[in-house]
Amino acid sequence: MAAASYLASYSRASPSSAAAAACPCHARPPALRPRRARPLRVRAASSVSDQEEQLLAALRAQADPGAALRTLSSALAREGFDPGRAVYEEVIAKLGAAGAFDLMEELVGEMRRGGHEVTAGVVRPFLEGYARLGRFDDAVDLVLNRLDDGGVFRRRTRRRCTTTSSVCSRRGAG
């Protein structure tokens, strides 16, 4: 019990000023300076809005291309929502995996009416779907005739030649 009273009388938190000056381990740290308020960083505007990110996540979770198309249709019905190219590309890829080329072409038309450019990300599902089904003539027709209407290969002659040669080489291999 004597040890408990001794410990209670001994204070570690506040050593005597003479002991604090003599012992560097008991020296107090220097007083902290007040922090300057940092300006708030504005998050850089991304190319994809939060709504569009949520829609993309929902579309990627859909296993059925029809369900993905219905999800896109309900999103298009919302007031003031304009999906970006990535959303269209995701749905076109889902439809391409199912071989729904007519729906894909309608969606590309909708995409163009919305002011979005048709890029290689849109063309790839068409070519992969045609190649998977052995419809090489349709793939070549897509590259040579139908895509020039949209301007995909207008200034990209090298891409057009590369795409055409890859379609033709697959035809020879299949």
Protein backbone atom coordinates (compact mmCIF):
# COMPACT_ATOMS: atom_id res chain seq x y z
CA MET A 1 0.00 0.00 0.00
CA ALA A 2 2.92 2.27 0.66
CA ALA A 3 4.00 1.88 -2.96
CA ALA A 4 0.58 3.01 -4.17
CA SER A 5 0.70 6.19 -2.10
CA TYR A 6 4.21 6.86 -3.32
CA LEU A 7 3.12 6.48 -6.97
CA ALA A 8 0.08 8.67 -6.42
CA SER A 9 2.22 11.45 -5.00
CA TYR A 10 4.70 11.22 -7.87
CA SER A 11 3.49 13.01 -10.96
CA ARG A 12 5.09 12.04 -14.26
CA ALA A 13 3.10 14.52 -16.29
CA SER A 14 4.65 17.61 -14.73
CA PRO A 15 8.24 17.20 -13.64
CA SER A 16 9.74 19.99 -11.67
CA SER A 17 11.09 22.88 -13.69
CA ALA A 18 14.64 22.24 -12.49
CA ALA A 19 14.48 18.59 -13.57
CA ALA A 20 12.93 19.54 -16.90
CA ALA A 21 15.70 21.97 -17.69
CA ALA A 22 18.39 19.45 -16.78
CA CYS A 23 16.90 16.45 -18.55
CA PRO A 24 16.34 16.74 -22.35
CA CYS A 25 13.88 13.85 -22.40
CA HIS A 26 11.49 15.88 -20.26
CA ALA A 27 11.78 19.02 -22.35
CA ARG A 28 8.53 20.20 -23.82
CA PRO A 29 8.15 20.41 -27.57
CA PRO A 30 8.12 23.88 -29.05
CA ALA A 31 4.79 25.62 -29.20
CA LEU A 32 2.82 24.80 -32.32
CA ARG A 33 2.22 27.53 -34.82
CA PRO A 34 -1.36 28.08 -35.84
CA ARG A 35 -2.12 26.38 -39.14
CA ARG A 36 -2.82 28.45 -42.15
CA ALA A 37 -6.10 27.74 -43.80
CA ARG A 38 -5.47 25.96 -47.06
CA PRO A 39 -7.57 26.93 -50.03
CA LEU A 40 -10.12 24.31 -50.93
CA ARG A 41 -9.12 22.26 -53.91
CA VAL A 42 -11.77 22.12 -56.52
CA ARG A 43 -12.04 18.67 -57.98
CA ALA A 44 -11.17 18.73 -61.63
CA ALA A 45 -14.17 18.27 -63.84
CA SER A 46 -14.01 14.77 -65.19
CA SER A 47 -15.28 13.74 -68.55
CA VAL A 48 -17.75 11.42 -66.89
CA SER A 49 -20.39 12.71 -64.49
CA ASP A 50 -21.46 10.85 -61.35
CA GLN A 51 -24.76 9.86 -62.97
CA GLU A 52 -22.91 8.52 -65.97
CA GLU A 53 -20.50 6.55 -63.75
CA GLN A 54 -23.46 4.98 -61.95
CA LEU A 55 -25.12 4.15 -65.26
CA LEU A 56 -21.90 2.59 -66.58
CA ALA A 57 -21.60 0.47 -63.44
CA ALA A 58 -25.21 -0.68 -63.82
CA LEU A 59 -24.68 -1.49 -67.50
CA ARG A 60 -21.52 -3.47 -66.80
CA ALA A 61 -23.39 -5.48 -64.17
CA GLN A 62 -26.09 -6.47 -66.67
CA ALA A 63 -25.52 -9.90 -68.18
CA ASP A 64 -28.44 -9.64 -70.60
CA PRO A 65 -28.04 -7.20 -73.53
CA GLY A 66 -31.80 -6.56 -73.52
CA ALA A 67 -31.65 -5.49 -69.90
CA ALA A 68 -28.73 -3.19 -70.71
CA LEU A 69 -30.74 -1.63 -73.53
CA ARG A 70 -33.74 -1.12 -71.22
CA THR A 71 -31.46 0.48 -68.62
CA LEU A 72 -30.13 2.87 -71.26
CA SER A 73 -33.66 3.67 -72.46
CA SER A 74 -34.80 4.54 -68.95
CA ALA A 75 -31.73 6.74 -68.50
CA LEU A 76 -32.43 8.54 -71.78
CA ALA A 77 -35.99 9.22 -70.59
CA ARG A 78 -34.66 11.22 -67.63
CA GLU A 79 -34.89 14.96 -67.96
CA GLY A 80 -31.55 16.65 -68.63
CA PHE A 81 -29.44 13.50 -68.80
CA ASP A 82 -27.22 13.08 -71.84
CA PRO A 83 -25.11 9.92 -71.73
CA GLY A 84 -21.59 10.10 -73.04
CA ARG A 85 -19.84 8.03 -75.64
CA ALA A 86 -18.65 5.48 -73.05
CA VAL A 87 -22.25 4.57 -72.18
CA TYR A 88 -23.14 4.02 -75.82
CA GLU A 89 -19.98 1.97 -76.37
CA GLU A 90 -20.82 -0.27 -73.41
CA VAL A 91 -24.34 -1.02 -74.67
CA ILE A 92 -23.11 -1.55 -78.24
CA ALA A 93 -20.50 -4.01 -76.94
CA LYS A 94 -23.22 -5.92 -75.05
CA LEU A 95 -25.43 -6.03 -78.13
CA GLY A 96 -22.47 -7.07 -80.28
CA ALA A 97 -21.78 -10.03 -78.02
CA ALA A 98 -25.38 -11.15 -78.63
CA GLY A 99 -25.19 -10.50 -82.38
CA ALA A 100 -27.99 -7.89 -82.39
CA PHE A 101 -26.58 -5.88 -85.29
CA ASP A 102 -29.83 -4.09 -86.17
CA LEU A 103 -30.15 -2.74 -82.63
CA MET A 104 -26.48 -1.78 -82.69
CA GLU A 105 -26.98 0.23 -85.87
CA GLU A 106 -30.02 1.98 -84.38
CA LEU A 107 -28.00 2.85 -81.31
CA VAL A 108 -25.17 4.23 -83.46
CA GLY A 109 -27.74 6.42 -85.21
CA GLU A 110 -29.01 7.64 -81.83
CA MET A 111 -25.45 8.30 -80.79
CA ARG A 112 -24.79 10.40 -83.89
CA ARG A 113 -28.01 12.35 -83.36
CA GLY A 114 -26.79 13.09 -79.84
CA GLY A 115 -23.65 14.63 -81.31
CA HIS A 116 -21.23 11.87 -80.35
CA GLU A 117 -18.47 10.76 -82.66
CA VAL A 118 -18.31 7.15 -83.80
CA THR A 119 -14.89 5.84 -82.77
CA ALA A 120 -12.99 2.58 -82.89
CA GLY A 121 -14.64 1.59 -79.59
CA VAL A 122 -17.96 1.52 -81.43
CA VAL A 123 -16.63 -0.20 -84.55
CA ARG A 124 -14.81 -3.00 -82.71
CA PRO A 125 -17.97 -4.81 -81.46
CA PHE A 126 -19.37 -4.79 -84.99
CA LEU A 127 -16.22 -6.32 -86.44
CA GLU A 128 -15.85 -8.88 -83.65
CA GLY A 129 -19.48 -9.92 -83.99
CA TYR A 130 -19.29 -10.23 -87.75
CA ALA A 131 -16.05 -12.22 -87.49
CA ARG A 132 -17.49 -14.53 -84.83
CA LEU A 133 -20.45 -15.33 -87.09
CA GLY A 134 -18.29 -15.60 -90.23
CA ARG A 135 -20.00 -12.63 -91.88
CA PHE A 136 -16.80 -11.22 -93.37
CA ASP A 137 -18.56 -9.57 -96.32
CA ASP A 138 -20.65 -7.54 -93.88
CA ALA A 139 -17.51 -6.56 -91.97
CA VAL A 140 -15.76 -5.36 -95.12
CA ASP A 141 -18.93 -3.52 -96.19
CA LEU A 142 -19.04 -1.83 -92.79
CA VAL A 143 -15.45 -0.64 -93.08
CA LEU A 144 -15.50 0.38 -96.73
CA ASN A 145 -18.99 1.78 -97.20
CA ARG A 146 -21.10 2.43 -94.14
CA LEU A 147 -18.51 3.94 -91.83
CA ASP A 148 -17.47 6.67 -94.23
CA ASP A 149 -20.95 8.15 -93.93
CA GLY A 150 -20.22 8.82 -90.26
CA GLY A 151 -16.71 10.04 -90.90
CA VAL A 152 -14.94 7.43 -88.79
CA PHE A 153 -12.22 6.83 -91.35
CA ARG A 154 -12.39 10.12 -93.18
CA ARG A 155 -8.98 11.34 -92.01
CA ARG A 156 -7.75 8.00 -90.74
CA THR A 157 -6.74 6.13 -93.86
CA ARG A 158 -4.17 4.02 -92.02
CA ARG A 159 -6.78 2.81 -89.53
CA ARG A 160 -9.14 1.97 -92.39
CA CYS A 161 -6.47 -0.05 -94.18
CA THR A 162 -5.43 -1.82 -90.98
CA THR A 163 -9.02 -2.70 -90.13
CA THR A 164 -9.74 -3.95 -93.64
CA SER A 165 -6.60 -6.09 -93.73
CA SER A 166 -7.35 -7.59 -90.31
CA VAL A 167 -10.87 -8.52 -91.45
CA CYS A 168 -9.52 -10.06 -94.64
CA SER A 169 -6.80 -11.99 -92.79
CA ARG A 170 -9.37 -13.42 -90.39
CA ARG A 171 -11.44 -14.52 -93.34
CA GLY A 172 -8.49 -16.44 -94.73
CA ALA A 173 -7.75 -17.99 -91.34
CA GLY A 174 -11.34 -19.02 -90.62
